[in-house]
C-alpha atoms as a PDB file:
ATOM      1  CA  UNK A   1       1.650   4.488  -2.833  1.00  0.00           C
ATOM      2  CA  UNK A   2       2.122   5.195   1.178  1.00  0.00           C
ATOM      3  CA  UNK A   3       3.045   8.617   3.064  1.00  0.00           C
ATOM      4  CA  UNK A   4       3.389   8.942   6.635  1.00  0.00           C
ATOM      5  CA  UNK A   5       1.128  11.402   8.071  1.00  0.00           C
ATOM      6  CA  UNK A   6       2.349  13.694  10.580  1.00  0.00           C
ATOM      7  CA  UNK A   7      -0.456  14.430  13.838  1.00  0.00           C
ATOM      8  CA  UNK A   8       1.533  15.869  16.679  1.00  0.00           C
ATOM      9  CA  UNK A   9       0.156  14.134  20.271  1.00  0.00           C
ATOM     10  CA  UNK A  10      -0.157  17.858  21.632  1.00  0.00           C
ATOM     11  CA  UNK A  11      -2.413  18.690  18.377  1.00  0.00           C
ATOM     12  CA  UNK A  12      -4.544  21.462  19.463  1.00  0.00           C
ATOM     13  CA  UNK A  13      -7.451  19.449  17.918  1.00  0.00           C
ATOM     14  CA  UNK A  14      -7.263  17.357  20.897  1.00  0.00           C
ATOM     15  CA  UNK A  15      -8.101  19.771  23.646  1.00  0.00           C
ATOM     16  CA  UNK A  16     -11.765  19.232  24.315  1.00  0.00           C
ATOM     17  CA  UNK A  17     -12.248  16.484  21.961  1.00  0.00           C
ATOM     18  CA  UNK A  18     -13.290  14.831  24.066  1.00  0.00           C
ATOM     19  CA  UNK A  19     -12.266  15.853  27.798  1.00  0.00           C
ATOM     20  CA  UNK A  20     -10.770  12.437  29.396  1.00  0.00           C
ATOM     21  CA  UNK A  21     -10.581  10.832  26.337  1.00  0.00           C
ATOM     22  CA  UNK A  22      -8.826  12.612  23.365  1.00  0.00           C
ATOM     23  CA  UNK A  23      -9.588  11.537  19.686  1.00  0.00           C
ATOM     24  CA  UNK A  24      -8.628  13.157  16.816  1.00  0.00           C
ATOM     25  CA  UNK A  25     -11.372  14.929  14.955  1.00  0.00           C
ATOM     26  CA  UNK A  26     -12.062  13.595  11.697  1.00  0.00           C
ATOM     27  CA  UNK A  27     -11.800  17.003   9.706  1.00  0.00           C
ATOM     28  CA  UNK A  28      -8.025  16.594  10.702  1.00  0.00           C
ATOM     29  CA  UNK A  29      -7.579  13.140   9.276  1.00  0.00           C
ATOM     30  CA  UNK A  30      -9.224  13.952   6.050  1.00  0.00           C
ATOM     31  CA  UNK A  31      -7.170  17.184   5.682  1.00  0.00           C
ATOM     32  CA  UNK A  32      -3.829  15.384   6.565  1.00  0.00           C
ATOM     33  CA  UNK A  33      -4.655  12.720   3.729  1.00  0.00           C
ATOM     34  CA  UNK A  34      -5.892  15.399   1.667  1.00  0.00           C
ATOM     35  CA  UNK A  35      -2.331  17.072   1.823  1.00  0.00           C
ATOM     36  CA  UNK A  36      -0.815  13.799   1.404  1.00  0.00           C
ATOM     37  CA  UNK A  37      -2.885  13.355  -1.742  1.00  0.00           C
ATOM     38  CA  UNK A  38      -1.747  16.530  -3.001  1.00  0.00           C
ATOM     39  CA  UNK A  39       2.025  15.997  -2.217  1.00  0.00           C
ATOM     40  CA  UNK A  40       1.807  12.648  -4.249  1.00  0.00           C
ATOM     41  CA  UNK A  41      -0.195  14.120  -7.414  1.00  0.00           C
ATOM     42  CA  UNK A  42       1.500  17.221  -7.672  1.00  0.00           C
ATOM     43  CA  UNK A  43      -1.942  18.848  -7.793  1.00  0.00           C
ATOM     44  CA  UNK A  44      -3.211  21.633  -4.707  1.00  0.00           C
ATOM     45  CA  UNK A  45      -5.006  20.220  -1.841  1.00  0.00           C
ATOM     46  CA  UNK A  46      -7.736  22.955  -3.681  1.00  0.00           C
ATOM     47  CA  UNK A  47      -7.885  20.873  -6.903  1.00  0.00           C
ATOM     48  CA  UNK A  48      -9.732  18.248  -4.954  1.00  0.00           C
ATOM     49  CA  UNK A  49     -13.354  17.527  -3.896  1.00  0.00           C
ATOM     50  CA  UNK A  50     -13.946  14.967  -0.849  1.00  0.00           C
ATOM     51  CA  UNK A  51     -16.225  12.453  -2.621  1.00  0.00           C
ATOM     52  CA  UNK A  52     -16.773  10.164   0.426  1.00  0.00           C
ATOM     53  CA  UNK A  53     -15.420   9.281   3.490  1.00  0.00           C
ATOM     54  CA  UNK A  54     -15.909   6.851   6.327  1.00  0.00           C
ATOM     55  CA  UNK A  55     -14.417   7.003   9.916  1.00  0.00           C
ATOM     56  CA  UNK A  56     -13.970   3.625  11.308  1.00  0.00           C
ATOM     57  CA  UNK A  57     -12.275   3.742  14.207  1.00  0.00           C
ATOM     58  CA  UNK A  58     -10.806   6.510  16.664  1.00  0.00           C
ATOM     59  CA  UNK A  59      -7.507   8.000  16.900  1.00  0.00           C
ATOM     60  CA  UNK A  60      -5.740   8.889  19.815  1.00  0.00           C
ATOM     61  CA  UNK A  61      -2.884  11.098  20.500  1.00  0.00           C
ATOM     62  CA  UNK A  62       0.778   9.706  19.443  1.00  0.00           C
ATOM     63  CA  UNK A  63      -0.676   7.172  16.972  1.00  0.00           C
ATOM     64  CA  UNK A  64       1.488   6.717  14.146  1.00  0.00           C
ATOM     65  CA  UNK A  65      -0.778   7.245  11.022  1.00  0.00           C
ATOM     66  CA  UNK A  66       0.101   6.658   7.073  1.00  0.00           C
ATOM     67  CA  UNK A  67      -2.659   7.544   3.951  1.00  0.00           C
ATOM     68  CA  UNK A  68      -2.340   4.684   1.607  1.00  0.00           C
ATOM     69  CA  UNK A  69      -3.590   5.846  -1.871  1.00  0.00           C
ATOM     70  CA  UNK A  70      -4.243   3.791  -5.170  1.00  0.00           C
ATOM     71  CA  UNK A  71      -6.172   5.157  -8.319  1.00  0.00           C
ATOM     72  CA  UNK A  72      -9.998   4.929  -8.308  1.00  0.00           C
ATOM     73  CA  UNK A  73     -12.164   5.297 -10.998  1.00  0.00           C
ATOM     74  CA  UNK A  74     -11.224   8.013 -13.776  1.00  0.00           C
ATOM     75  CA  UNK A  75      -9.042  10.766 -12.018  1.00  0.00           C
ATOM     76  CA  UNK A  76     -10.123  10.052  -8.653  1.00  0.00           C
ATOM     77  CA  UNK A  77      -8.017   8.992  -5.919  1.00  0.00           C
ATOM     78  CA  UNK A  78      -9.163   5.872  -3.121  1.00  0.00           C
ATOM     79  CA  UNK A  79      -7.328   6.510   0.276  1.00  0.00           C
ATOM     80  CA  UNK A  80      -7.030   4.570   3.693  1.00  0.00           C
ATOM     81  CA  UNK A  81      -5.691   6.524   6.684  1.00  0.00           C
ATOM     82  CA  UNK A  82      -4.027   3.322   8.751  1.00  0.00           C
ATOM     83  CA  UNK A  83      -2.873   3.060  12.182  1.00  0.00           C
ATOM     84  CA  UNK A  84      -0.464   0.142  11.844  1.00  0.00           C
ATOM     85  CA  UNK A  85      -2.594  -2.621  10.222  1.00  0.00           C
ATOM     86  CA  UNK A  86      -5.960  -0.745  11.252  1.00  0.00           C
ATOM     87  CA  UNK A  87      -7.793   1.202   8.786  1.00  0.00           C
ATOM     88  CA  UNK A  88      -9.034   4.340  10.736  1.00  0.00           C
ATOM     89  CA  UNK A  89     -10.632   6.059   7.566  1.00  0.00           C
ATOM     90  CA  UNK A  90     -10.770   5.433   4.184  1.00  0.00           C
ATOM     91  CA  UNK A  91     -12.364   7.705   1.454  1.00  0.00           C
ATOM     92  CA  UNK A  92     -12.055   9.137  -2.230  1.00  0.00           C
ATOM     93  CA  UNK A  93     -11.252  12.054  -3.669  1.00  0.00           C
ATOM     94  CA  UNK A  94     -12.060  13.574  -7.114  1.00  0.00           C
ATOM     95  CA  UNK A  95     -10.529  16.422  -9.303  1.00  0.00           C
ATOM     96  CA  UNK A  96     -12.374  19.781  -8.857  1.00  0.00           C
ATOM     97  CA  UNK A  97     -14.003  20.714 -11.842  1.00  0.00           C
END
């Protein structure tokens, strides 16, 4: 399943991260991916725990992003955050116990 992530080019997280070369903080990427997983699963964001995440490439203002989800082991969900064909982050979430 693929969902579009909506991060505004003027998102406040870009300010100061980093001056002259703004990039989206990883915490915002994770929050957006978790929100997409919550919407598609019907479980609230709080029902998930981040098992692991890798940040592979920086995301600059105005970059179109998508979250691609697939079933993982057990009830886990694997995700990739993509900018076009580039994978910028990937990881797994598991249901919170």
